[in-house]
Amino acid sequence: YRAGVHPLRSVTRIAAPRWTAIGASVVG
């Protein structure tokens, strides 16, 4: 939710900047 990524989105369809947001959101 914090990263703005749908939970059903395939990992093959996530761009590098969004992965950065996911990593930061996990830590946060």
PDB file of all heavy atoms in Angstrom:
ATOM      1  N   TYR A   1       0.843  -1.200   0.000  1.00  0.00           N
ATOM      2  CA  TYR A   1       0.000   0.000   0.000  1.00  0.00           C
ATOM      3  C   TYR A   1       0.880   1.254   0.000  1.00  0.00           C
ATOM      4  O   TYR A   1       0.668   2.176  -0.784  1.00  0.00           O
ATOM      5  CB  TYR A   1      -0.922  -0.001   1.211  1.00  0.00           C
ATOM      6  CG  TYR A   1      -1.653   1.317   1.392  1.00  0.00           C
ATOM      7  CD1 TYR A   1      -2.740   1.642   0.580  1.00  0.00           C
ATOM      8  CD2 TYR A   1      -1.238   2.238   2.350  1.00  0.00           C
ATOM      9  CE1 TYR A   1      -3.398   2.859   0.719  1.00  0.00           C
ATOM     10  CE2 TYR A   1      -1.891   3.451   2.509  1.00  0.00           C
ATOM     11  CZ  TYR A   1      -2.966   3.755   1.691  1.00  0.00           C
ATOM     12  OH  TYR A   1      -3.619   4.962   1.833  1.00  0.00           O
ATOM     13  N   ARG A   2       1.869   1.291   0.860  1.00  0.00           N
ATOM     14  CA  ARG A   2       2.749   2.457   0.917  1.00  0.00           C
ATOM     15  C   ARG A   2       3.487   2.668  -0.401  1.00  0.00           C
ATOM     16  O   ARG A   2       3.736   3.805  -0.809  1.00  0.00           O
ATOM     17  CB  ARG A   2       3.763   2.309   2.048  1.00  0.00           C
ATOM     18  CG  ARG A   2       3.167   2.405   3.438  1.00  0.00           C
ATOM     19  CD  ARG A   2       4.273   2.524   4.485  1.00  0.00           C
ATOM     20  NE  ARG A   2       3.746   2.498   5.844  1.00  0.00           N
ATOM     21  CZ  ARG A   2       4.474   2.743   6.934  1.00  0.00           C
ATOM     22  NH1 ARG A   2       5.775   3.021   6.809  1.00  0.00           N
ATOM     23  NH2 ARG A   2       3.930   2.695   8.131  1.00  0.00           N
ATOM     24  N   ALA A   3       3.843   1.563  -1.061  1.00  0.00           N
ATOM     25  CA  ALA A   3       4.585   1.667  -2.328  1.00  0.00           C
ATOM     26  C   ALA A   3       3.671   1.908  -3.520  1.00  0.00           C
ATOM     27  O   ALA A   3       4.164   2.188  -4.622  1.00  0.00           O
ATOM     28  CB  ALA A   3       5.392   0.389  -2.553  1.00  0.00           C
ATOM     29  N   GLY A   4       2.358   1.799  -3.332  1.00  0.00           N
ATOM     30  CA  GLY A   4       1.421   2.016  -4.428  1.00  0.00           C
ATOM     31  C   GLY A   4       1.414   0.904  -5.455  1.00  0.00           C
ATOM     32  O   GLY A   4       1.184   1.145  -6.652  1.00  0.00           O
ATOM     33  N   VAL A   5       1.629  -0.341  -5.013  1.00  0.00           N
ATOM     34  CA  VAL A   5       1.705  -1.486  -5.926  1.00  0.00           C
ATOM     35  C   VAL A   5       0.572  -2.449  -5.616  1.00  0.00           C
ATOM     36  O   VAL A   5       0.367  -2.834  -4.460  1.00  0.00           O
ATOM     37  CB  VAL A   5       3.062  -2.212  -5.784  1.00  0.00           C
ATOM     38  CG1 VAL A   5       3.108  -3.441  -6.685  1.00  0.00           C
ATOM     39  CG2 VAL A   5       4.206  -1.259  -6.119  1.00  0.00           C
ATOM     40  N   HIS A   6      -0.149  -2.868  -6.648  1.00  0.00           N
ATOM     41  CA  HIS A   6      -1.248  -3.817  -6.485  1.00  0.00           C
ATOM     42  C   HIS A   6      -0.687  -5.171  -6.057  1.00  0.00           C
ATOM     43  O   HIS A   6       0.295  -5.653  -6.628  1.00  0.00           O
ATOM     44  CB  HIS A   6      -2.013  -3.961  -7.800  1.00  0.00           C
ATOM     45  CG  HIS A   6      -3.353  -4.612  -7.648  1.00  0.00           C
ATOM     46  ND1 HIS A   6      -3.498  -5.957  -7.367  1.00  0.00           N
ATOM     47  CD2 HIS A   6      -4.614  -4.104  -7.721  1.00  0.00           C
ATOM     48  CE1 HIS A   6      -4.784  -6.247  -7.290  1.00  0.00           C
ATOM     49  NE2 HIS A   6      -5.487  -5.141  -7.497  1.00  0.00           N
ATOM     50  N   PRO A   7      -1.293  -5.830  -5.073  1.00  0.00           N
ATOM     51  CA  PRO A   7      -0.744  -7.102  -4.573  1.00  0.00           C
ATOM     52  C   PRO A   7      -0.752  -8.232  -5.586  1.00  0.00           C
ATOM     53  O   PRO A   7       0.018  -9.188  -5.437  1.00  0.00           O
ATOM     54  CB  PRO A   7      -1.638  -7.421  -3.374  1.00  0.00           C
ATOM     55  CG  PRO A   7      -2.889  -6.630  -3.585  1.00  0.00           C
ATOM     56  CD  PRO A   7      -2.470  -5.388  -4.292  1.00  0.00           C
ATOM     57  N   LEU A   8      -1.595  -8.153  -6.611  1.00  0.00           N
ATOM     58  CA  LEU A   8      -1.645  -9.203  -7.626  1.00  0.00           C
ATOM     59  C   LEU A   8      -0.692  -8.955  -8.795  1.00  0.00           C
ATOM     60  O   LEU A   8      -0.569  -9.810  -9.675  1.00  0.00           O
ATOM     61  CB  LEU A   8      -3.073  -9.351  -8.164  1.00  0.00           C
ATOM     62  CG  LEU A   8      -4.115  -9.933  -7.205  1.00  0.00           C
ATOM     63  CD1 LEU A   8      -5.484  -9.966  -7.859  1.00  0.00           C
ATOM     64  CD2 LEU A   8      -3.716 -11.324  -6.732  1.00  0.00           C
ATOM     65  N   ARG A   9      -0.038  -7.821  -8.825  1.00  0.00           N
ATOM     66  CA  ARG A   9       0.859  -7.514  -9.938  1.00  0.00           C
ATOM     67  C   ARG A   9       1.995  -8.535  -9.987  1.00  0.00           C
ATOM     68  O   ARG A   9       2.628  -8.840  -8.979  1.00  0.00           O
ATOM     69  CB  ARG A   9       1.425  -6.109  -9.814  1.00  0.00           C
ATOM     70  CG  ARG A   9       2.381  -5.729 -10.959  1.00  0.00           C
ATOM     71  CD  ARG A   9       2.824  -4.291 -10.846  1.00  0.00           C
ATOM     72  NE  ARG A   9       1.737  -3.394 -11.201  1.00  0.00           N
ATOM     73  CZ  ARG A   9       1.445  -2.988 -12.436  1.00  0.00           C
ATOM     74  NH1 ARG A   9       2.180  -3.420 -13.457  1.00  0.00           N
ATOM     75  NH2 ARG A   9       0.451  -2.172 -12.666  1.00  0.00           N
ATOM     76  N   SER A  10       2.259  -9.058 -11.171  1.00  0.00           N
ATOM     77  CA  SER A  10       3.357 -10.008 -11.340  1.00  0.00           C
ATOM     78  C   SER A  10       4.694  -9.306 -11.136  1.00  0.00           C
ATOM     79  O   SER A  10       4.862  -8.131 -11.528  1.00  0.00           O
ATOM     80  CB  SER A  10       3.302 -10.627 -12.736  1.00  0.00           C
ATOM     81  OG  SER A  10       4.478 -11.373 -12.996  1.00  0.00           O
ATOM     82  N   VAL A  11       5.635 -10.002 -10.549  1.00  0.00           N
ATOM     83  CA  VAL A  11       6.961  -9.411 -10.349  1.00  0.00           C
ATOM     84  C   VAL A  11       7.655  -9.112 -11.672  1.00  0.00           C
ATOM     85  O   VAL A  11       8.601  -8.326 -11.713  1.00  0.00           O
ATOM     86  CB  VAL A  11       7.849 -10.316  -9.469  1.00  0.00           C
ATOM     87  CG1 VAL A  11       7.284 -10.420  -8.063  1.00  0.00           C
ATOM     88  CG2 VAL A  11       8.028 -11.701 -10.092  1.00  0.00           C
ATOM     89  N   THR A  12       7.176  -9.718 -12.764  1.00  0.00           N
ATOM     90  CA  THR A  12       7.770  -9.437 -14.077  1.00  0.00           C
ATOM     91  C   THR A  12       7.334  -8.079 -14.616  1.00  0.00           C
ATOM     92  O   THR A  12       7.925  -7.596 -15.581  1.00  0.00           O
ATOM     93  CB  THR A  12       7.380 -10.526 -15.098  1.00  0.00           C
ATOM     94  OG1 THR A  12       5.947 -10.514 -15.280  1.00  0.00           O
ATOM     95  CG2 THR A  12       7.803 -11.903 -14.616  1.00  0.00           C
ATOM     96  N   ARG A  13       6.330  -7.477 -14.000  1.00  0.00           N
ATOM     97  CA  ARG A  13       5.765  -6.218 -14.505  1.00  0.00           C
ATOM     98  C   ARG A  13       6.008  -5.059 -13.545  1.00  0.00           C
ATOM     99  O   ARG A  13       5.233  -4.105 -13.502  1.00  0.00           O
ATOM    100  CB  ARG A  13       4.263  -6.399 -14.760  1.00  0.00           C
ATOM    101  CG  ARG A  13       3.945  -7.437 -15.825  1.00  0.00           C
ATOM    102  CD  ARG A  13       2.448  -7.576 -16.053  1.00  0.00           C
ATOM    103  NE  ARG A  13       1.840  -6.292 -16.397  1.00  0.00           N
ATOM    104  CZ  ARG A  13       0.879  -5.706 -15.683  1.00  0.00           C
ATOM    105  NH1 ARG A  13       0.435  -6.275 -14.561  1.00  0.00           N
ATOM    106  NH2 ARG A  13       0.362  -4.559 -16.061  1.00  0.00           N
ATOM    107  N   ILE A  14       7.082  -5.143 -12.788  1.00  0.00           N
ATOM    108  CA  ILE A  14       7.424  -4.075 -11.863  1.00  0.00           C
ATOM    109  C   ILE A  14       8.754  -3.464 -12.289  1.00  0.00           C
ATOM    110  O   ILE A  14       9.767  -4.157 -12.405  1.00  0.00           O
ATOM    111  CB  ILE A  14       7.521  -4.606 -10.416  1.00  0.00           C
ATOM    112  CG1 ILE A  14       6.156  -5.164  -9.984  1.00  0.00           C
ATOM    113  CG2 ILE A  14       7.972  -3.509  -9.460  1.00  0.00           C
ATOM    114  CD1 ILE A  14       6.167  -5.798  -8.608  1.00  0.00           C
ATOM    115  N   ALA A  15       8.745  -2.160 -12.513  1.00  0.00           N
ATOM    116  CA  ALA A  15       9.937  -1.463 -12.973  1.00  0.00           C
ATOM    117  C   ALA A  15      10.893  -1.185 -11.813  1.00  0.00           C
ATOM    118  O   ALA A  15      10.505  -1.215 -10.641  1.00  0.00           O
ATOM    119  CB  ALA A  15       9.542  -0.146 -13.650  1.00  0.00           C
ATOM    120  N   ALA A  16      12.140  -0.869 -12.161  1.00  0.00           N
ATOM    121  CA  ALA A  16      13.179  -0.656 -11.152  1.00  0.00           C
ATOM    122  C   ALA A  16      12.811   0.411 -10.124  1.00  0.00           C
ATOM    123  O   ALA A  16      13.009   0.199  -8.912  1.00  0.00           O
ATOM    124  CB  ALA A  16      14.503  -0.313 -11.834  1.00  0.00           C
ATOM    125  N   PRO A  17      12.270   1.576 -10.519  1.00  0.00           N
ATOM    126  CA  PRO A  17      11.924   2.581  -9.500  1.00  0.00           C
ATOM    127  C   PRO A  17      10.865   2.087  -8.516  1.00  0.00           C
ATOM    128  O   PRO A  17      10.903   2.430  -7.326  1.00  0.00           O
ATOM    129  CB  PRO A  17      11.406   3.762 -10.329  1.00  0.00           C
ATOM    130  CG  PRO A  17      12.022   3.578 -11.672  1.00  0.00           C
ATOM    131  CD  PRO A  17      12.080   2.100 -11.880  1.00  0.00           C
ATOM    132  N   ARG A  18       9.949   1.279  -9.012  1.00  0.00           N
ATOM    133  CA  ARG A  18       8.905   0.765  -8.118  1.00  0.00           C
ATOM    134  C   ARG A  18       9.485  -0.268  -7.153  1.00  0.00           C
ATOM    135  O   ARG A  18       9.066  -0.355  -6.009  1.00  0.00           O
ATOM    136  CB  ARG A  18       7.771   0.160  -8.939  1.00  0.00           C
ATOM    137  CG  ARG A  18       6.525  -0.134  -8.141  1.00  0.00           C
ATOM    138  CD  ARG A  18       5.902   1.118  -7.578  1.00  0.00           C
ATOM    139  NE  ARG A  18       5.241   1.913  -8.606  1.00  0.00           N
ATOM    140  CZ  ARG A  18       4.587   3.055  -8.369  1.00  0.00           C
ATOM    141  NH1 ARG A  18       4.531   3.532  -7.143  1.00  0.00           N
ATOM    142  NH2 ARG A  18       4.020   3.717  -9.347  1.00  0.00           N
ATOM    143  N   TRP A  19      10.457  -1.043  -7.598  1.00  0.00           N
ATOM    144  CA  TRP A  19      11.131  -1.963  -6.673  1.00  0.00           C
ATOM    145  C   TRP A  19      11.827  -1.186  -5.559  1.00  0.00           C
ATOM    146  O   TRP A  19      11.810  -1.606  -4.392  1.00  0.00           O
ATOM    147  CB  TRP A  19      12.152  -2.826  -7.414  1.00  0.00           C
ATOM    148  CG  TRP A  19      11.583  -4.038  -8.081  1.00  0.00           C
ATOM    149  CD1 TRP A  19      11.586  -4.322  -9.413  1.00  0.00           C
ATOM    150  CD2 TRP A  19      10.928  -5.144  -7.442  1.00  0.00           C
ATOM    151  NE1 TRP A  19      10.966  -5.521  -9.658  1.00  0.00           N
ATOM    152  CE2 TRP A  19      10.553  -6.053  -8.465  1.00  0.00           C
ATOM    153  CE3 TRP A  19      10.611  -5.442  -6.127  1.00  0.00           C
ATOM    154  CZ2 TRP A  19       9.892  -7.241  -8.197  1.00  0.00           C
ATOM    155  CZ3 TRP A  19       9.949  -6.639  -5.853  1.00  0.00           C
ATOM    156  CH2 TRP A  19       9.594  -7.521  -6.881  1.00  0.00           C
ATOM    157  N   THR A  20      12.421  -0.059  -5.908  1.00  0.00           N
ATOM    158  CA  THR A  20      13.044   0.780  -4.880  1.00  0.00           C
ATOM    159  C   THR A  20      12.013   1.220  -3.858  1.00  0.00           C
ATOM    160  O   THR A  20      12.270   1.202  -2.640  1.00  0.00           O
ATOM    161  CB  THR A  20      13.708   2.005  -5.531  1.00  0.00           C
ATOM    162  OG1 THR A  20      14.752   1.562  -6.412  1.00  0.00           O
ATOM    163  CG2 THR A  20      14.298   2.937  -4.484  1.00  0.00           C
ATOM    164  N   ALA A  21      10.834   1.600  -4.333  1.00  0.00           N
ATOM    165  CA  ALA A  21       9.761   2.020  -3.424  1.00  0.00           C
ATOM    166  C   ALA A  21       9.295   0.865  -2.548  1.00  0.00           C
ATOM    167  O   ALA A  21       9.026   1.046  -1.353  1.00  0.00           O
ATOM    168  CB  ALA A  21       8.593   2.581  -4.235  1.00  0.00           C
ATOM    169  N   ILE A  22       9.210  -0.331  -3.114  1.00  0.00           N
ATOM    170  CA  ILE A  22       8.788  -1.490  -2.327  1.00  0.00           C
ATOM    171  C   ILE A  22       9.795  -1.781  -1.225  1.00  0.00           C
ATOM    172  O   ILE A  22       9.429  -2.009  -0.066  1.00  0.00           O
ATOM    173  CB  ILE A  22       8.606  -2.723  -3.244  1.00  0.00           C
ATOM    174  CG1 ILE A  22       7.408  -2.521  -4.177  1.00  0.00           C
ATOM    175  CG2 ILE A  22       8.417  -3.994  -2.405  1.00  0.00           C
ATOM    176  CD1 ILE A  22       7.276  -3.590  -5.244  1.00  0.00           C
ATOM    177  N   GLY A  23      11.077  -1.789  -1.565  1.00  0.00           N
ATOM    178  CA  GLY A  23      12.100  -2.048  -0.557  1.00  0.00           C
ATOM    179  C   GLY A  23      12.054  -1.043   0.572  1.00  0.00           C
ATOM    180  O   GLY A  23      12.126  -1.406   1.754  1.00  0.00           O
ATOM    181  N   ALA A  24      11.929   0.237   0.232  1.00  0.00           N
ATOM    182  CA  ALA A  24      11.858   1.273   1.258  1.00  0.00           C
ATOM    183  C   ALA A  24      10.606   1.129   2.110  1.00  0.00           C
ATOM    184  O   ALA A  24      10.630   1.347   3.333  1.00  0.00           O
ATOM    185  CB  ALA A  24      11.895   2.653   0.603  1.00  0.00           C
ATOM    186  N   SER A  25       9.506   0.738   1.492  1.00  0.00           N
ATOM    187  CA  SER A  25       8.252   0.575   2.234  1.00  0.00           C
ATOM    188  C   SER A  25       8.329  -0.603   3.193  1.00  0.00           C
ATOM    189  O   SER A  25       7.803  -0.532   4.308  1.00  0.00           O
ATOM    190  CB  SER A  25       7.081   0.389   1.260  1.00  0.00           C
ATOM    191  OG  SER A  25       6.877   1.556   0.497  1.00  0.00           O
ATOM    192  N   VAL A  26       8.951  -1.692   2.769  1.00  0.00           N
ATOM    193  CA  VAL A  26       9.131  -2.846   3.654  1.00  0.00           C
ATOM    194  C   VAL A  26       9.903  -2.424   4.907  1.00  0.00           C
ATOM    195  O   VAL A  26       9.481  -2.686   6.039  1.00  0.00           O
ATOM    196  CB  VAL A  26       9.871  -3.992   2.925  1.00  0.00           C
ATOM    197  CG1 VAL A  26      10.377  -5.031   3.922  1.00  0.00           C
ATOM    198  CG2 VAL A  26       8.950  -4.642   1.903  1.00  0.00           C
ATOM    199  N   VAL A  27      11.024  -1.752   4.715  1.00  0.00           N
ATOM    200  CA  VAL A  27      11.834  -1.310   5.856  1.00  0.00           C
ATOM    201  C   VAL A  27      11.046  -0.340   6.724  1.00  0.00           C
ATOM    202  O   VAL A  27      11.057  -0.427   7.963  1.00  0.00           O
ATOM    203  CB  VAL A  27      13.139  -0.664   5.367  1.00  0.00           C
ATOM    204  CG1 VAL A  27      13.909  -0.045   6.535  1.00  0.00           C
ATOM    205  CG2 VAL A  27      14.004  -1.699   4.656  1.00  0.00           C
ATOM    206  N   GLY A  28      10.328   0.582   6.103  1.00  0.00           N
ATOM    207  CA  GLY A  28       9.568   1.570   6.860  1.00  0.00           C
ATOM    208  C   GLY A  28       8.455   0.955   7.686  1.00  0.00           C
ATOM    209  O   GLY A  28       8.273   1.300   8.864  1.00  0.00           O
TER     210      GLY A  28
END
